[in-house]
Amino acid sequence: MDNRTLSGLLAMTPPANLKIIELTAELTRPDGGLDLDAAAARQKDVEMACAQAQDYATATRRLREALRWRLRPQRY
């Protein structure tokens, strides 16, 4: 794997400003539980935030595996 491949994978990795973090904070009750009624009312937002988080996880997993492959000990 060459450096161009790694830089391409890095460029494909979305920024880490995940909506799921902000949304979770908004949907958390003062006692620390999830406000299920509020979450249900914002179902579309929840689904979009989950999809964004999944895309981010997939992209970072690809990048992680590429780096592991690139940094593995060379055998001669």
N, C-alpha and C. Protein backbone atom coordinates (compact mmCIF):
# COMPACT_ATOMS: atom_id res chain seq x y z
N MET A 1 0.86 -1.17 0.00
CA MET A 1 0.00 0.00 0.00
C MET A 1 0.90 1.23 0.00
N ASP A 2 0.60 2.16 -0.89
CA ASP A 2 1.44 3.34 -0.99
C ASP A 2 0.84 4.51 -0.20
N ASN A 3 1.62 5.57 -0.10
CA ASN A 3 1.18 6.74 0.66
C ASN A 3 -0.02 7.42 0.02
N ARG A 4 -0.15 7.32 -1.30
CA ARG A 4 -1.31 7.92 -1.97
C ARG A 4 -2.59 7.23 -1.54
N THR A 5 -2.52 5.91 -1.37
CA THR A 5 -3.70 5.17 -0.91
C THR A 5 -4.08 5.62 0.49
N LEU A 6 -3.09 5.75 1.35
CA LEU A 6 -3.37 6.20 2.73
C LEU A 6 -3.95 7.61 2.74
N SER A 7 -3.39 8.50 1.96
CA SER A 7 -3.91 9.87 1.96
C SER A 7 -5.32 9.90 1.37
N GLY A 8 -5.61 9.02 0.41
CA GLY A 8 -6.96 8.93 -0.13
C GLY A 8 -7.95 8.45 0.92
N LEU A 9 -7.55 7.44 1.69
CA LEU A 9 -8.41 6.94 2.77
C LEU A 9 -8.62 8.02 3.82
N LEU A 10 -7.57 8.74 4.13
CA LEU A 10 -7.70 9.83 5.11
C LEU A 10 -8.64 10.91 4.60
N ALA A 11 -8.55 11.23 3.33
CA ALA A 11 -9.43 12.24 2.75
C ALA A 11 -10.89 11.79 2.75
N MET A 12 -11.11 10.49 2.66
CA MET A 12 -12.47 9.94 2.65
C MET A 12 -13.07 9.84 4.05
N THR A 13 -12.24 9.99 5.07
CA THR A 13 -12.73 9.90 6.45
C THR A 13 -13.42 11.21 6.81
N PRO A 14 -14.70 11.14 7.18
CA PRO A 14 -15.44 12.37 7.49
C PRO A 14 -14.92 13.02 8.77
N PRO A 15 -15.17 14.32 8.92
CA PRO A 15 -14.76 14.98 10.16
C PRO A 15 -15.47 14.36 11.37
N ALA A 16 -14.86 14.51 12.51
CA ALA A 16 -15.36 13.84 13.72
C ALA A 16 -16.42 14.64 14.46
N ASN A 17 -17.06 15.59 13.81
CA ASN A 17 -18.13 16.33 14.49
C ASN A 17 -19.44 15.56 14.35
N LEU A 18 -19.56 14.53 15.16
CA LEU A 18 -20.69 13.61 15.07
C LEU A 18 -21.93 14.19 15.74
N LYS A 19 -23.01 14.20 15.00
CA LYS A 19 -24.29 14.73 15.51
C LYS A 19 -24.84 13.88 16.65
N ILE A 20 -24.46 12.61 16.70
CA ILE A 20 -25.00 11.71 17.71
C ILE A 20 -24.59 12.16 19.12
N ILE A 21 -23.44 12.78 19.23
CA ILE A 21 -22.97 13.24 20.55
C ILE A 21 -23.84 14.39 21.04
N GLU A 22 -24.04 15.36 20.18
CA GLU A 22 -24.88 16.51 20.54
C GLU A 22 -26.33 16.07 20.79
N LEU A 23 -26.83 15.21 19.93
CA LEU A 23 -28.21 14.74 20.05
C LEU A 23 -28.41 13.95 21.34
N THR A 24 -27.45 13.12 21.69
CA THR A 24 -27.55 12.36 22.93
C THR A 24 -27.61 13.29 24.14
N ALA A 25 -26.80 14.34 24.11
CA ALA A 25 -26.83 15.31 25.21
C ALA A 25 -28.20 15.98 25.29
N GLU A 26 -28.78 16.28 24.14
CA GLU A 26 -30.09 16.93 24.12
C GLU A 26 -31.20 16.00 24.61
N LEU A 27 -31.06 14.71 24.40
CA LEU A 27 -32.11 13.75 24.73
C LEU A 27 -31.93 13.07 26.09
N THR A 28 -30.89 13.47 26.81
CA THR A 28 -30.63 12.88 28.12
C THR A 28 -31.36 13.67 29.20
N ARG A 29 -32.09 12.95 30.04
CA ARG A 29 -32.81 13.57 31.15
C ARG A 29 -31.83 13.94 32.27
N PRO A 30 -32.23 14.79 33.17
CA PRO A 30 -31.35 15.18 34.28
C PRO A 30 -30.87 13.99 35.12
N ASP A 31 -31.68 12.91 35.18
CA ASP A 31 -31.26 11.74 35.96
C ASP A 31 -30.30 10.84 35.19
N GLY A 32 -29.95 11.23 33.96
CA GLY A 32 -28.99 10.46 33.17
C GLY A 32 -29.62 9.47 32.20
N GLY A 33 -30.93 9.27 32.30
CA GLY A 33 -31.61 8.36 31.39
C GLY A 33 -31.95 9.04 30.07
N LEU A 34 -32.30 8.23 29.10
CA LEU A 34 -32.69 8.75 27.80
C LEU A 34 -34.17 9.09 27.80
N ASP A 35 -34.51 10.27 27.33
CA ASP A 35 -35.90 10.69 27.22
C ASP A 35 -36.47 10.04 25.96
N LEU A 36 -37.13 8.91 26.14
CA LEU A 36 -37.63 8.13 25.01
C LEU A 36 -38.70 8.86 24.22
N ASP A 37 -39.54 9.63 24.90
CA ASP A 37 -40.56 10.40 24.18
C ASP A 37 -39.92 11.45 23.28
N ALA A 38 -38.93 12.14 23.80
CA ALA A 38 -38.23 13.16 22.99
C ALA A 38 -37.47 12.49 21.84
N ALA A 39 -36.88 11.34 22.11
CA ALA A 39 -36.17 10.60 21.06
C ALA A 39 -37.13 10.15 19.97
N ALA A 40 -38.29 9.68 20.37
CA ALA A 40 -39.29 9.24 19.39
C ALA A 40 -39.77 10.41 18.55
N ALA A 41 -39.92 11.56 19.17
CA ALA A 41 -40.36 12.74 18.44
C ALA A 41 -39.31 13.22 17.44
N ARG A 42 -38.07 12.85 17.69
CA ARG A 42 -36.96 13.25 16.81
C ARG A 42 -36.36 12.04 16.10
N GLN A 43 -37.20 11.09 15.79
CA GLN A 43 -36.74 9.83 15.21
C GLN A 43 -35.89 10.04 13.95
N LYS A 44 -36.31 10.94 13.09
CA LYS A 44 -35.55 11.19 11.87
C LYS A 44 -34.14 11.69 12.19
N ASP A 45 -34.04 12.60 13.16
CA ASP A 45 -32.73 13.11 13.59
C ASP A 45 -31.88 11.98 14.17
N VAL A 46 -32.51 11.12 14.98
CA VAL A 46 -31.78 10.01 15.59
C VAL A 46 -31.26 9.07 14.51
N GLU A 47 -32.09 8.75 13.53
CA GLU A 47 -31.67 7.85 12.46
C GLU A 47 -30.54 8.45 11.63
N MET A 48 -30.64 9.74 11.35
CA MET A 48 -29.57 10.39 10.59
C MET A 48 -28.26 10.44 11.38
N ALA A 49 -28.36 10.71 12.67
CA ALA A 49 -27.16 10.76 13.51
C ALA A 49 -26.53 9.38 13.62
N CYS A 50 -27.34 8.35 13.72
CA CYS A 50 -26.81 6.97 13.78
C CYS A 50 -26.14 6.60 12.47
N ALA A 51 -26.74 6.97 11.35
CA ALA A 51 -26.15 6.68 10.04
C ALA A 51 -24.82 7.41 9.88
N GLN A 52 -24.76 8.65 10.31
CA GLN A 52 -23.51 9.41 10.23
C GLN A 52 -22.43 8.75 11.08
N ALA A 53 -22.79 8.32 12.29
CA ALA A 53 -21.83 7.66 13.17
C ALA A 53 -21.35 6.34 12.56
N GLN A 54 -22.25 5.61 11.93
CA GLN A 54 -21.87 4.35 11.28
C GLN A 54 -20.93 4.61 10.10
N ASP A 55 -21.20 5.62 9.31
CA ASP A 55 -20.32 5.97 8.20
C ASP A 55 -18.93 6.34 8.71
N TYR A 56 -18.89 7.10 9.79
CA TYR A 56 -17.62 7.50 10.38
C TYR A 56 -16.86 6.27 10.89
N ALA A 57 -17.57 5.38 11.55
CA ALA A 57 -16.92 4.17 12.07
C ALA A 57 -16.36 3.32 10.93
N THR A 58 -17.10 3.20 9.85
CA THR A 58 -16.64 2.42 8.71
C THR A 58 -15.40 3.04 8.08
N ALA A 59 -15.42 4.34 7.89
CA ALA A 59 -14.28 5.02 7.28
C ALA A 59 -13.04 4.94 8.17
N THR A 60 -13.21 5.14 9.45
CA THR A 60 -12.04 5.07 10.34
C THR A 60 -11.54 3.64 10.48
N ARG A 61 -12.43 2.66 10.39
CA ARG A 61 -12.00 1.26 10.43
C ARG A 61 -11.13 0.95 9.21
N ARG A 62 -11.54 1.42 8.03
CA ARG A 62 -10.74 1.22 6.81
C ARG A 62 -9.37 1.86 6.96
N LEU A 63 -9.34 3.07 7.48
CA LEU A 63 -8.08 3.78 7.66
C LEU A 63 -7.20 3.06 8.67
N ARG A 64 -7.78 2.60 9.77
CA ARG A 64 -7.02 1.88 10.78
C ARG A 64 -6.39 0.62 10.19
N GLU A 65 -7.16 -0.14 9.45
CA GLU A 65 -6.63 -1.37 8.85
C GLU A 65 -5.54 -1.07 7.83
N ALA A 66 -5.70 0.00 7.07
CA ALA A 66 -4.68 0.38 6.11
C ALA A 66 -3.38 0.76 6.82
N LEU A 67 -3.50 1.48 7.91
CA LEU A 67 -2.30 1.86 8.67
C LEU A 67 -1.63 0.64 9.28
N ARG A 68 -2.43 -0.27 9.81
CA ARG A 68 -1.85 -1.50 10.35
C ARG A 68 -1.09 -2.26 9.27
N TRP A 69 -1.69 -2.35 8.09
CA TRP A 69 -1.05 -3.05 6.98
C TRP A 69 0.26 -2.36 6.59
N ARG A 70 0.21 -1.03 6.52
CA ARG A 70 1.38 -0.26 6.11
C ARG A 70 2.49 -0.34 7.16
N LEU A 71 2.12 -0.40 8.43
CA LEU A 71 3.12 -0.36 9.50
C LEU A 71 3.55 -1.74 9.98
N ARG A 72 3.04 -2.78 9.37
CA ARG A 72 3.42 -4.13 9.78
C ARG A 72 4.92 -4.34 9.53
N PRO A 73 5.53 -5.19 10.32
CA PRO A 73 6.96 -5.47 10.12
C PRO A 73 7.19 -6.07 8.71
N GLN A 74 8.20 -5.56 8.07
CA GLN A 74 8.56 -6.08 6.74
C GLN A 74 9.37 -7.36 6.89
N ARG A 75 9.04 -8.33 6.08
CA ARG A 75 9.80 -9.59 6.08
C ARG A 75 10.58 -9.65 4.78
N TYR A 76 11.85 -9.92 4.92
CA TYR A 76 12.71 -10.00 3.74
C TYR A 76 13.28 -11.37 3.60
